[in-house]
């Protein structure tokens, strides 16, 4: 894990001392070996599963999201659904 964090620190520019990190332990697709990786996220960022994000957004006051961000998220979801429905129909 420490190697993953160090690689992420060296890879990305920015104020890493004043930021938050997400560190995960994933499996490689081909040989199923575990490998850690780290990612720098902003202090005002949060991490959630898609299901958790939907729950946070649905309940008023749980997650302060402005209208612009909601429109961007809704548009991205709409485009992805339209793409998938087009593949199913075609």
PDB file of N, CA and C in Angstrom:
ATOM      1  N   UNK A   1       0.817  -1.183   0.000  1.00  0.00           N
ATOM      2  CA  UNK A   1       0.000   0.000   0.000  1.00  0.00           C
ATOM      3  C   UNK A   1       0.867   1.256   0.000  1.00  0.00           C
ATOM      4  N   UNK A   2       1.923   1.231   0.783  1.00  0.00           N
ATOM      5  CA  UNK A   2       2.773   2.420   0.836  1.00  0.00           C
ATOM      6  C   UNK A   2       3.387   2.710  -0.526  1.00  0.00           C
ATOM      7  N   UNK A   3       3.707   1.668  -1.285  1.00  0.00           N
ATOM      8  CA  UNK A   3       4.250   1.866  -2.632  1.00  0.00           C
ATOM      9  C   UNK A   3       3.214   2.531  -3.537  1.00  0.00           C
ATOM     10  N   UNK A   4       1.966   2.103  -3.429  1.00  0.00           N
ATOM     11  CA  UNK A   4       0.907   2.690  -4.249  1.00  0.00           C
ATOM     12  C   UNK A   4       0.742   4.173  -3.945  1.00  0.00           C
ATOM     13  N   UNK A   5       0.780   4.517  -2.677  1.00  0.00           N
ATOM     14  CA  UNK A   5       0.662   5.927  -2.299  1.00  0.00           C
ATOM     15  C   UNK A   5       1.861   6.713  -2.810  1.00  0.00           C
ATOM     16  N   UNK A   6       3.069   6.150  -2.635  1.00  0.00           N
ATOM     17  CA  UNK A   6       4.272   6.847  -3.099  1.00  0.00           C
ATOM     18  C   UNK A   6       4.232   7.047  -4.609  1.00  0.00           C
ATOM     19  N   UNK A   7       3.817   6.037  -5.364  1.00  0.00           N
ATOM     20  CA  UNK A   7       3.713   6.180  -6.822  1.00  0.00           C
ATOM     21  C   UNK A   7       2.695   7.241  -7.200  1.00  0.00           C
ATOM     22  N   UNK A   8       1.595   7.290  -6.485  1.00  0.00           N
ATOM     23  CA  UNK A   8       0.579   8.295  -6.772  1.00  0.00           C
ATOM     24  C   UNK A   8       1.092   9.696  -6.457  1.00  0.00           C
ATOM     25  N   UNK A   9       1.838   9.830  -5.369  1.00  0.00           N
ATOM     26  CA  UNK A   9       2.411  11.131  -5.006  1.00  0.00           C
ATOM     27  C   UNK A   9       3.384  11.592  -6.081  1.00  0.00           C
ATOM     28  N   UNK A  10       4.238  10.688  -6.529  1.00  0.00           N
ATOM     29  CA  UNK A  10       5.229  11.055  -7.537  1.00  0.00           C
ATOM     30  C   UNK A  10       4.609  11.303  -8.904  1.00  0.00           C
ATOM     31  N   UNK A  11       3.497  10.631  -9.209  1.00  0.00           N
ATOM     32  CA  UNK A  11       2.849  10.745 -10.509  1.00  0.00           C
ATOM     33  C   UNK A  11       2.065  12.041 -10.665  1.00  0.00           C
ATOM     34  N   UNK A  12       1.410  12.472  -9.610  1.00  0.00           N
ATOM     35  CA  UNK A  12       0.498  13.603  -9.752  1.00  0.00           C
ATOM     36  C   UNK A  12       1.018  14.881  -9.137  1.00  0.00           C
ATOM     37  N   UNK A  13       0.870  15.971  -9.860  1.00  0.00           N
ATOM     38  CA  UNK A  13       1.239  17.257  -9.277  1.00  0.00           C
ATOM     39  C   UNK A  13       0.172  17.716  -8.295  1.00  0.00           C
ATOM     40  N   UNK A  14       0.517  18.636  -7.470  1.00  0.00           N
ATOM     41  CA  UNK A  14      -0.488  19.194  -6.576  1.00  0.00           C
ATOM     42  C   UNK A  14      -0.051  19.191  -5.128  1.00  0.00           C
ATOM     43  N   UNK A  15      -0.853  19.805  -4.298  1.00  0.00           N
ATOM     44  CA  UNK A  15      -0.514  19.924  -2.871  1.00  0.00           C
ATOM     45  C   UNK A  15      -0.856  18.642  -2.107  1.00  0.00           C
ATOM     46  N   UNK A  16      -0.081  17.589  -2.304  1.00  0.00           N
ATOM     47  CA  UNK A  16      -0.419  16.291  -1.728  1.00  0.00           C
ATOM     48  C   UNK A  16      -0.434  16.311  -0.208  1.00  0.00           C
ATOM     49  N   UNK A  17       0.274  17.243   0.412  1.00  0.00           N
ATOM     50  CA  UNK A  17       0.271  17.304   1.870  1.00  0.00           C
ATOM     51  C   UNK A  17      -1.075  17.738   2.426  1.00  0.00           C
ATOM     52  N   UNK A  18      -1.839  18.444   1.621  1.00  0.00           N
ATOM     53  CA  UNK A  18      -3.111  19.002   2.079  1.00  0.00           C
ATOM     54  C   UNK A  18      -4.285  18.384   1.329  1.00  0.00           C
ATOM     55  N   UNK A  19      -4.188  17.116   1.039  1.00  0.00           N
ATOM     56  CA  UNK A  19      -5.222  16.446   0.275  1.00  0.00           C
ATOM     57  C   UNK A  19      -5.604  15.136   0.929  1.00  0.00           C
ATOM     58  N   UNK A  20      -6.591  14.482   0.365  1.00  0.00           N
ATOM     59  CA  UNK A  20      -7.039  13.186   0.851  1.00  0.00           C
ATOM     60  C   UNK A  20      -6.692  12.140  -0.186  1.00  0.00           C
ATOM     61  N   UNK A  21      -6.581  10.900   0.281  1.00  0.00           N
ATOM     62  CA  UNK A  21      -6.188   9.806  -0.593  1.00  0.00           C
ATOM     63  C   UNK A  21      -7.222   8.705  -0.562  1.00  0.00           C
ATOM     64  N   UNK A  22      -7.390   8.062  -1.698  1.00  0.00           N
ATOM     65  CA  UNK A  22      -8.167   6.830  -1.774  1.00  0.00           C
ATOM     66  C   UNK A  22      -7.162   5.753  -2.160  1.00  0.00           C
ATOM     67  N   UNK A  23      -7.060   4.736  -1.338  1.00  0.00           N
ATOM     68  CA  UNK A  23      -6.158   3.629  -1.632  1.00  0.00           C
ATOM     69  C   UNK A  23      -6.999   2.370  -1.730  1.00  0.00           C
ATOM     70  N   UNK A  24      -6.815   1.617  -2.802  1.00  0.00           N
ATOM     71  CA  UNK A  24      -7.618   0.414  -3.030  1.00  0.00           C
ATOM     72  C   UNK A  24      -6.700  -0.773  -3.306  1.00  0.00           C
ATOM     73  N   UNK A  25      -7.216  -1.951  -3.046  1.00  0.00           N
ATOM     74  CA  UNK A  25      -6.517  -3.191  -3.351  1.00  0.00           C
ATOM     75  C   UNK A  25      -7.378  -3.950  -4.346  1.00  0.00           C
ATOM     76  N   UNK A  26      -6.952  -3.970  -5.603  1.00  0.00           N
ATOM     77  CA  UNK A  26      -7.728  -4.575  -6.679  1.00  0.00           C
ATOM     78  C   UNK A  26      -7.056  -5.841  -7.185  1.00  0.00           C
ATOM     79  N   UNK A  27      -7.782  -6.578  -8.000  1.00  0.00           N
ATOM     80  CA  UNK A  27      -7.239  -7.756  -8.662  1.00  0.00           C
ATOM     81  C   UNK A  27      -6.991  -7.442 -10.125  1.00  0.00           C
ATOM     82  N   UNK A  28      -5.890  -7.994 -10.673  1.00  0.00           N
ATOM     83  CA  UNK A  28      -5.649  -7.874 -12.101  1.00  0.00           C
ATOM     84  C   UNK A  28      -6.589  -8.812 -12.828  1.00  0.00           C
ATOM     85  N   UNK A  29      -7.021  -8.446 -13.990  1.00  0.00           N
ATOM     86  CA  UNK A  29      -7.986  -9.251 -14.746  1.00  0.00           C
ATOM     87  C   UNK A  29      -7.413 -10.593 -15.188  1.00  0.00           C
ATOM     88  N   UNK A  30      -6.153 -10.605 -15.583  1.00  0.00           N
ATOM     89  CA  UNK A  30      -5.597 -11.808 -16.197  1.00  0.00           C
ATOM     90  C   UNK A  30      -5.121 -12.845 -15.189  1.00  0.00           C
ATOM     91  N   UNK A  31      -4.344 -12.451 -14.205  1.00  0.00           N
ATOM     92  CA  UNK A  31      -3.769 -13.448 -13.310  1.00  0.00           C
ATOM     93  C   UNK A  31      -4.297 -13.375 -11.884  1.00  0.00           C
ATOM     94  N   UNK A  32      -5.249 -12.548 -11.632  1.00  0.00           N
ATOM     95  CA  UNK A  32      -5.932 -12.441 -10.329  1.00  0.00           C
ATOM     96  C   UNK A  32      -4.999 -12.093  -9.163  1.00  0.00           C
ATOM     97  N   UNK A  33      -3.873 -11.468  -9.448  1.00  0.00           N
ATOM     98  CA  UNK A  33      -3.004 -11.018  -8.366  1.00  0.00           C
ATOM     99  C   UNK A  33      -3.513  -9.692  -7.833  1.00  0.00           C
ATOM    100  N   UNK A  34      -3.344  -9.518  -6.550  1.00  0.00           N
ATOM    101  CA  UNK A  34      -3.749  -8.250  -5.950  1.00  0.00           C
ATOM    102  C   UNK A  34      -2.676  -7.195  -6.204  1.00  0.00           C
ATOM    103  N   UNK A  35      -3.138  -5.975  -6.458  1.00  0.00           N
ATOM    104  CA  UNK A  35      -2.205  -4.866  -6.606  1.00  0.00           C
ATOM    105  C   UNK A  35      -2.848  -3.609  -6.030  1.00  0.00           C
ATOM    106  N   UNK A  36      -2.105  -2.890  -5.207  1.00  0.00           N
ATOM    107  CA  UNK A  36      -2.634  -1.660  -4.610  1.00  0.00           C
ATOM    108  C   UNK A  36      -2.416  -0.474  -5.542  1.00  0.00           C
ATOM    109  N   UNK A  37      -3.296   0.490  -5.423  1.00  0.00           N
ATOM    110  CA  UNK A  37      -3.098   1.741  -6.137  1.00  0.00           C
ATOM    111  C   UNK A  37      -3.714   2.863  -5.328  1.00  0.00           C
ATOM    112  N   UNK A  38      -3.151   4.051  -5.492  1.00  0.00           N
ATOM    113  CA  UNK A  38      -3.634   5.208  -4.753  1.00  0.00           C
ATOM    114  C   UNK A  38      -4.036   6.319  -5.693  1.00  0.00           C
ATOM    115  N   UNK A  39      -4.935   7.151  -5.223  1.00  0.00           N
ATOM    116  CA  UNK A  39      -5.381   8.288  -6.028  1.00  0.00           C
ATOM    117  C   UNK A  39      -5.616   9.475  -5.102  1.00  0.00           C
ATOM    118  N   UNK A  40      -5.109  10.598  -5.517  1.00  0.00           N
ATOM    119  CA  UNK A  40      -5.278  11.845  -4.789  1.00  0.00           C
ATOM    120  C   UNK A  40      -6.649  12.420  -5.103  1.00  0.00           C
ATOM    121  N   UNK A  41      -7.400  12.802  -4.073  1.00  0.00           N
ATOM    122  CA  UNK A  41      -8.686  13.469  -4.304  1.00  0.00           C
ATOM    123  C   UNK A  41      -8.690  14.773  -3.518  1.00  0.00           C
ATOM    124  N   UNK A  42      -9.477  15.713  -3.962  1.00  0.00           N
ATOM    125  CA  UNK A  42      -9.535  17.019  -3.311  1.00  0.00           C
ATOM    126  C   UNK A  42     -10.183  16.957  -1.938  1.00  0.00           C
ATOM    127  N   UNK A  43      -9.878  17.930  -1.120  1.00  0.00           N
ATOM    128  CA  UNK A  43     -10.426  17.969   0.233  1.00  0.00           C
ATOM    129  C   UNK A  43     -11.942  18.080   0.251  1.00  0.00           C
ATOM    130  N   UNK A  44     -12.513  18.697  -0.760  1.00  0.00           N
ATOM    131  CA  UNK A  44     -13.965  18.847  -0.790  1.00  0.00           C
ATOM    132  C   UNK A  44     -14.639  17.688  -1.515  1.00  0.00           C
ATOM    133  N   UNK A  45     -13.857  16.694  -1.931  1.00  0.00           N
ATOM    134  CA  UNK A  45     -14.411  15.540  -2.639  1.00  0.00           C
ATOM    135  C   UNK A  45     -14.899  14.498  -1.649  1.00  0.00           C
ATOM    136  N   UNK A  46     -15.786  13.652  -2.137  1.00  0.00           N
ATOM    137  CA  UNK A  46     -16.228  12.526  -1.325  1.00  0.00           C
ATOM    138  C   UNK A  46     -16.246  11.285  -2.210  1.00  0.00           C
ATOM    139  N   UNK A  47     -16.231  10.141  -1.589  1.00  0.00           N
ATOM    140  CA  UNK A  47     -16.197   8.879  -2.307  1.00  0.00           C
ATOM    141  C   UNK A  47     -17.410   8.059  -1.885  1.00  0.00           C
ATOM    142  N   UNK A  48     -18.110   7.514  -2.870  1.00  0.00           N
ATOM    143  CA  UNK A  48     -19.286   6.690  -2.587  1.00  0.00           C
ATOM    144  C   UNK A  48     -19.468   5.691  -3.717  1.00  0.00           C
ATOM    145  N   UNK A  49     -20.124   4.592  -3.424  1.00  0.00           N
ATOM    146  CA  UNK A  49     -20.525   3.678  -4.487  1.00  0.00           C
ATOM    147  C   UNK A  49     -21.615   4.360  -5.297  1.00  0.00           C
ATOM    148  N   UNK A  50     -21.926   3.822  -6.469  1.00  0.00           N
ATOM    149  CA  UNK A  50     -23.009   4.413  -7.267  1.00  0.00           C
ATOM    150  C   UNK A  50     -24.333   4.347  -6.510  1.00  0.00           C
ATOM    151  N   UNK A  51     -24.577   3.215  -5.857  1.00  0.00           N
ATOM    152  CA  UNK A  51     -25.808   3.088  -5.069  1.00  0.00           C
ATOM    153  C   UNK A  51     -25.822   4.103  -3.925  1.00  0.00           C
ATOM    154  N   UNK A  52     -24.687   4.248  -3.263  1.00  0.00           N
ATOM    155  CA  UNK A  52     -24.595   5.212  -2.175  1.00  0.00           C
ATOM    156  C   UNK A  52     -24.754   6.639  -2.660  1.00  0.00           C
ATOM    157  N   UNK A  53     -24.190   6.939  -3.822  1.00  0.00           N
ATOM    158  CA  UNK A  53     -24.323   8.280  -4.393  1.00  0.00           C
ATOM    159  C   UNK A  53     -25.781   8.591  -4.685  1.00  0.00           C
ATOM    160  N   UNK A  54     -26.485   7.627  -5.274  1.00  0.00           N
ATOM    161  CA  UNK A  54     -27.907   7.831  -5.572  1.00  0.00           C
ATOM    162  C   UNK A  54     -28.687   8.114  -4.290  1.00  0.00           C
ATOM    163  N   UNK A  55     -28.384   7.378  -3.237  1.00  0.00           N
ATOM    164  CA  UNK A  55     -29.077   7.603  -1.961  1.00  0.00           C
ATOM    165  C   UNK A  55     -28.746   8.967  -1.373  1.00  0.00           C
ATOM    166  N   UNK A  56     -27.480   9.370  -1.458  1.00  0.00           N
ATOM    167  CA  UNK A  56     -27.077  10.675  -0.930  1.00  0.00           C
ATOM    168  C   UNK A  56     -27.756  11.817  -1.673  1.00  0.00           C
ATOM    169  N   UNK A  57     -27.849  11.697  -2.994  1.00  0.00           N
ATOM    170  CA  UNK A  57     -28.455  12.767  -3.795  1.00  0.00           C
ATOM    171  C   UNK A  57     -29.971  12.804  -3.599  1.00  0.00           C
ATOM    172  N   UNK A  58     -30.584  11.638  -3.443  1.00  0.00           N
ATOM    173  CA  UNK A  58     -32.044  11.563  -3.354  1.00  0.00           C
ATOM    174  C   UNK A  58     -32.591  12.207  -2.085  1.00  0.00           C
ATOM    175  N   UNK A  59     -31.858  12.120  -0.998  1.00  0.00           N
ATOM    176  CA  UNK A  59     -32.349  12.667   0.269  1.00  0.00           C
ATOM    177  C   UNK A  59     -31.930  14.123   0.415  1.00  0.00           C
ATOM    178  N   UNK A  60     -32.894  15.017   0.580  1.00  0.00           N
ATOM    179  CA  UNK A  60     -32.569  16.437   0.725  1.00  0.00           C
ATOM    180  C   UNK A  60     -31.661  16.684   1.930  1.00  0.00           C
ATOM    181  N   UNK A  61     -30.637  17.488   1.715  1.00  0.00           N
ATOM    182  CA  UNK A  61     -29.766  17.891   2.805  1.00  0.00           C
ATOM    183  C   UNK A  61     -28.629  16.945   3.134  1.00  0.00           C
ATOM    184  N   UNK A  62     -28.617  15.733   2.577  1.00  0.00           N
ATOM    185  CA  UNK A  62     -27.543  14.791   2.902  1.00  0.00           C
ATOM    186  C   UNK A  62     -26.263  15.103   2.146  1.00  0.00           C
ATOM    187  N   UNK A  63     -26.399  15.632   0.948  1.00  0.00           N
ATOM    188  CA  UNK A  63     -25.224  15.953   0.142  1.00  0.00           C
ATOM    189  C   UNK A  63     -25.475  17.278  -0.559  1.00  0.00           C
ATOM    190  N   UNK A  64     -24.691  18.287  -0.229  1.00  0.00           N
ATOM    191  CA  UNK A  64     -24.904  19.590  -0.861  1.00  0.00           C
ATOM    192  C   UNK A  64     -24.415  19.585  -2.306  1.00  0.00           C
ATOM    193  N   UNK A  65     -25.358  19.458  -3.246  1.00  0.00           N
ATOM    194  CA  UNK A  65     -25.036  19.412  -4.667  1.00  0.00           C
ATOM    195  C   UNK A  65     -25.749  20.579  -5.344  1.00  0.00           C
ATOM    196  N   UNK A  66     -24.998  21.329  -6.132  1.00  0.00           N
ATOM    197  CA  UNK A  66     -25.642  22.459  -6.810  1.00  0.00           C
ATOM    198  C   UNK A  66     -26.333  21.981  -8.081  1.00  0.00           C
ATOM    199  N   UNK A  67     -27.164  22.834  -8.634  1.00  0.00           N
ATOM    200  CA  UNK A  67     -27.963  22.479  -9.812  1.00  0.00           C
ATOM    201  C   UNK A  67     -27.102  22.136 -11.026  1.00  0.00           C
ATOM    202  N   UNK A  68     -26.006  22.852 -11.204  1.00  0.00           N
ATOM    203  CA  UNK A  68     -25.129  22.591 -12.347  1.00  0.00           C
ATOM    204  C   UNK A  68     -24.568  21.178 -12.283  1.00  0.00           C
ATOM    205  N   UNK A  69     -24.097  20.770 -11.112  1.00  0.00           N
ATOM    206  CA  UNK A  69     -23.556  19.419 -10.963  1.00  0.00           C
ATOM    207  C   UNK A  69     -24.632  18.355 -11.169  1.00  0.00           C
ATOM    208  N   UNK A  70     -25.844  18.625 -10.682  1.00  0.00           N
ATOM    209  CA  UNK A  70     -26.934  17.675 -10.882  1.00  0.00           C
ATOM    210  C   UNK A  70     -27.298  17.537 -12.361  1.00  0.00           C
ATOM    211  N   UNK A  71     -27.304  18.644 -13.083  1.00  0.00           N
ATOM    212  CA  UNK A  71     -27.615  18.603 -14.513  1.00  0.00           C
ATOM    213  C   UNK A  71     -26.534  17.826 -15.259  1.00  0.00           C
ATOM    214  N   UNK A  72     -25.269  18.049 -14.932  1.00  0.00           N
ATOM    215  CA  UNK A  72     -24.178  17.312 -15.582  1.00  0.00           C
ATOM    216  C   UNK A  72     -24.294  15.822 -15.315  1.00  0.00           C
ATOM    217  N   UNK A  73     -24.578  15.455 -14.083  1.00  0.00           N
ATOM    218  CA  UNK A  73     -24.719  14.047 -13.723  1.00  0.00           C
ATOM    219  C   UNK A  73     -25.919  13.417 -14.429  1.00  0.00           C
ATOM    220  N   UNK A  74     -27.038  14.115 -14.435  1.00  0.00           N
ATOM    221  CA  UNK A  74     -28.233  13.592 -15.094  1.00  0.00           C
ATOM    222  C   UNK A  74     -28.002  13.440 -16.600  1.00  0.00           C
ATOM    223  N   UNK A  75     -27.338  14.397 -17.215  1.00  0.00           N
ATOM    224  CA  UNK A  75     -27.066  14.321 -18.654  1.00  0.00           C
ATOM    225  C   UNK A  75     -26.143  13.142 -18.962  1.00  0.00           C
ATOM    226  N   UNK A  76     -25.113  12.950 -18.158  1.00  0.00           N
ATOM    227  CA  UNK A  76     -24.195  11.827 -18.382  1.00  0.00           C
ATOM    228  C   UNK A  76     -24.921  10.495 -18.234  1.00  0.00           C
ATOM    229  N   UNK A  77     -25.771  10.374 -17.226  1.00  0.00           N
ATOM    230  CA  UNK A  77     -26.544   9.138 -17.031  1.00  0.00           C
ATOM    231  C   UNK A  77     -27.504   8.911 -18.193  1.00  0.00           C
ATOM    232  N   UNK A  78     -28.150   9.967 -18.654  1.00  0.00           N
ATOM    233  CA  UNK A  78     -29.091   9.859 -19.764  1.00  0.00           C
ATOM    234  C   UNK A  78     -28.373   9.400 -21.033  1.00  0.00           C
ATOM    235  N   UNK A  79     -27.216   9.976 -21.307  1.00  0.00           N
ATOM    236  CA  UNK A  79     -26.458   9.588 -22.490  1.00  0.00           C
ATOM    237  C   UNK A  79     -26.019   8.127 -22.415  1.00  0.00           C
ATOM    238  N   UNK A  80     -25.564   7.705 -21.264  1.00  0.00           N
ATOM    239  CA  UNK A  80     -25.125   6.313 -21.113  1.00  0.00           C
ATOM    240  C   UNK A  80     -26.286   5.349 -21.284  1.00  0.00           C
ATOM    241  N   UNK A  81     -27.442   5.674 -20.707  1.00  0.00           N
ATOM    242  CA  UNK A  81     -28.625   4.819 -20.856  1.00  0.00           C
ATOM    243  C   UNK A  81     -29.086   4.754 -22.310  1.00  0.00           C
ATOM    244  N   UNK A  82     -29.092   5.892 -22.994  1.00  0.00           N
ATOM    245  CA  UNK A  82     -29.494   5.918 -24.403  1.00  0.00           C
ATOM    246  C   UNK A  82     -28.552   5.058 -25.243  1.00  0.00           C
ATOM    247  N   UNK A  83     -27.256   5.124 -24.944  1.00  0.00           N
ATOM    248  CA  UNK A  83     -26.276   4.308 -25.658  1.00  0.00           C
ATOM    249  C   UNK A  83     -26.534   2.827 -25.430  1.00  0.00           C
ATOM    250  N   UNK A  84     -26.782   2.437 -24.206  1.00  0.00           N
ATOM    251  CA  UNK A  84     -27.048   1.033 -23.899  1.00  0.00           C
ATOM    252  C   UNK A  84     -28.357   0.548 -24.510  1.00  0.00           C
ATOM    253  N   UNK A  85     -29.364   1.397 -24.488  1.00  0.00           N
ATOM    254  CA  UNK A  85     -30.654   1.003 -25.081  1.00  0.00           C
ATOM    255  C   UNK A  85     -30.508   0.857 -26.589  1.00  0.00           C
ATOM    256  N   UNK A  86     -29.660   1.687 -27.211  1.00  0.00           N
ATOM    257  CA  UNK A  86     -29.417   1.574 -28.636  1.00  0.00           C
ATOM    258  C   UNK A  86     -28.733   0.270 -28.988  1.00  0.00           C
ATOM    259  N   UNK A  87     -27.829  -0.191 -28.146  1.00  0.00           N
ATOM    260  CA  UNK A  87     -27.158  -1.467 -28.392  1.00  0.00           C
ATOM    261  C   UNK A  87     -28.117  -2.631 -28.218  1.00  0.00           C
ATOM    262  N   UNK A  88     -29.015  -2.526 -27.247  1.00  0.00           N
ATOM    263  CA  UNK A  88     -29.979  -3.589 -27.011  1.00  0.00           C
ATOM    264  C   UNK A  88     -30.967  -3.694 -28.182  1.00  0.00           C
ATOM    265  N   UNK A  89     -31.434  -2.544 -28.660  1.00  0.00           N
ATOM    266  CA  UNK A  89     -32.406  -2.516 -29.755  1.00  0.00           C
ATOM    267  C   UNK A  89     -31.782  -2.935 -31.079  1.00  0.00           C
ATOM    268  N   UNK A  90     -30.480  -2.699 -31.225  1.00  0.00           N
ATOM    269  CA  UNK A  90     -29.823  -2.924 -32.510  1.00  0.00           C
ATOM    270  C   UNK A  90     -29.288  -4.269 -32.718  1.00  0.00           C
TER     271      UNK A  90
END
